Amino acid sequence: MTLESLATEAGLAYSYMGGIERGQRNPSLDVAERIAEVLGSDPATLFCQPPKSK
């Protein structure tokens, strides 16, 4: 899935999604829920730190 298609399916602006991806914007809970729904995930997983590689 591209960032553009994710933004479109979540009803968000592409530039807003890009800001979230770059860490320049923080999504509200509502936005996180919309993104997670499109991804078929739980909103909490969007805020978890990825595991550190060895």
C-alpha atoms as a PDB file:
ATOM      1  CA  MET A   1       0.000   0.000   0.000  1.00  0.00           C
ATOM      2  CA  THR A   2       1.313   3.439  -0.845  1.00  0.00           C
ATOM      3  CA  LEU A   3       1.174   6.427   1.447  1.00  0.00           C
ATOM      4  CA  GLU A   4      -1.145   8.098  -1.044  1.00  0.00           C
ATOM      5  CA  SER A   5      -3.608   5.192  -1.087  1.00  0.00           C
ATOM      6  CA  LEU A   6      -3.521   4.934   2.715  1.00  0.00           C
ATOM      7  CA  ALA A   7      -4.276   8.648   3.009  1.00  0.00           C
ATOM      8  CA  THR A   8      -7.107   8.392   0.492  1.00  0.00           C
ATOM      9  CA  GLU A   9      -8.713   5.359   2.136  1.00  0.00           C
ATOM     10  CA  ALA A  10      -8.428   6.951   5.593  1.00  0.00           C
ATOM     11  CA  GLY A  11      -9.904  10.219   4.309  1.00  0.00           C
ATOM     12  CA  LEU A  12      -6.752  12.208   5.064  1.00  0.00           C
ATOM     13  CA  ALA A  13      -4.588  14.566   3.053  1.00  0.00           C
ATOM     14  CA  TYR A  14      -1.448  13.033   1.558  1.00  0.00           C
ATOM     15  CA  SER A  15       0.662  15.856   3.017  1.00  0.00           C
ATOM     16  CA  TYR A  16      -0.776  15.206   6.495  1.00  0.00           C
ATOM     17  CA  MET A  17       0.061  11.500   6.240  1.00  0.00           C
ATOM     18  CA  GLY A  18       3.572  12.388   5.090  1.00  0.00           C
ATOM     19  CA  GLY A  19       3.984  14.577   8.154  1.00  0.00           C
ATOM     20  CA  ILE A  20       2.956  11.690  10.403  1.00  0.00           C
ATOM     21  CA  GLU A  21       5.395   9.375   8.633  1.00  0.00           C
ATOM     22  CA  ARG A  22       8.265  11.863   9.066  1.00  0.00           C
ATOM     23  CA  GLY A  23       7.411  12.445  12.739  1.00  0.00           C
ATOM     24  CA  GLN A  24       6.462  16.078  12.111  1.00  0.00           C
ATOM     25  CA  ARG A  25       2.811  15.577  13.038  1.00  0.00           C
ATOM     26  CA  ASN A  26       1.127  13.583  15.772  1.00  0.00           C
ATOM     27  CA  PRO A  27      -2.163  11.950  14.839  1.00  0.00           C
ATOM     28  CA  SER A  28      -5.170  12.328  17.096  1.00  0.00           C
ATOM     29  CA  LEU A  29      -6.775   9.170  18.433  1.00  0.00           C
ATOM     30  CA  ASP A  30      -9.517   9.533  15.819  1.00  0.00           C
ATOM     31  CA  VAL A  31      -6.958   9.709  13.011  1.00  0.00           C
ATOM     32  CA  ALA A  32      -4.994   6.774  14.454  1.00  0.00           C
ATOM     33  CA  GLU A  33      -8.194   4.718  14.531  1.00  0.00           C
ATOM     34  CA  ARG A  34      -8.925   5.565  10.887  1.00  0.00           C
ATOM     35  CA  ILE A  35      -5.396   4.637   9.794  1.00  0.00           C
ATOM     36  CA  ALA A  36      -5.463   1.399  11.811  1.00  0.00           C
ATOM     37  CA  GLU A  37      -8.834   0.445  10.344  1.00  0.00           C
ATOM     38  CA  VAL A  38      -7.492   0.821   6.802  1.00  0.00           C
ATOM     39  CA  LEU A  39      -4.431  -1.248   7.742  1.00  0.00           C
ATOM     40  CA  GLY A  40      -6.545  -3.879   9.516  1.00  0.00           C
ATOM     41  CA  SER A  41      -4.691  -3.266  12.760  1.00  0.00           C
ATOM     42  CA  ASP A  42      -5.214  -2.039  16.301  1.00  0.00           C
ATOM     43  CA  PRO A  43      -4.565   1.698  16.854  1.00  0.00           C
ATOM     44  CA  ALA A  44      -2.229   0.915  19.778  1.00  0.00           C
ATOM     45  CA  THR A  45       0.226  -0.799  17.424  1.00  0.00           C
ATOM     46  CA  LEU A  46       0.762   2.498  15.629  1.00  0.00           C
ATOM     47  CA  PHE A  47       2.329   3.944  18.773  1.00  0.00           C
ATOM     48  CA  CYS A  48       4.600   1.016  19.698  1.00  0.00           C
ATOM     49  CA  GLN A  49       8.353   1.230  19.287  1.00  0.00           C
ATOM     50  CA  PRO A  50       9.664  -1.264  16.730  1.00  0.00           C
ATOM     51  CA  PRO A  51      11.887  -3.977  18.200  1.00  0.00           C
ATOM     52  CA  LYS A  52      15.569  -3.104  18.189  1.00  0.00           C
ATOM     53  CA  SER A  53      17.658  -5.166  15.818  1.00  0.00           C
ATOM     54  CA  LYS A  54      20.713  -6.939  17.178  1.00  0.00           C
END
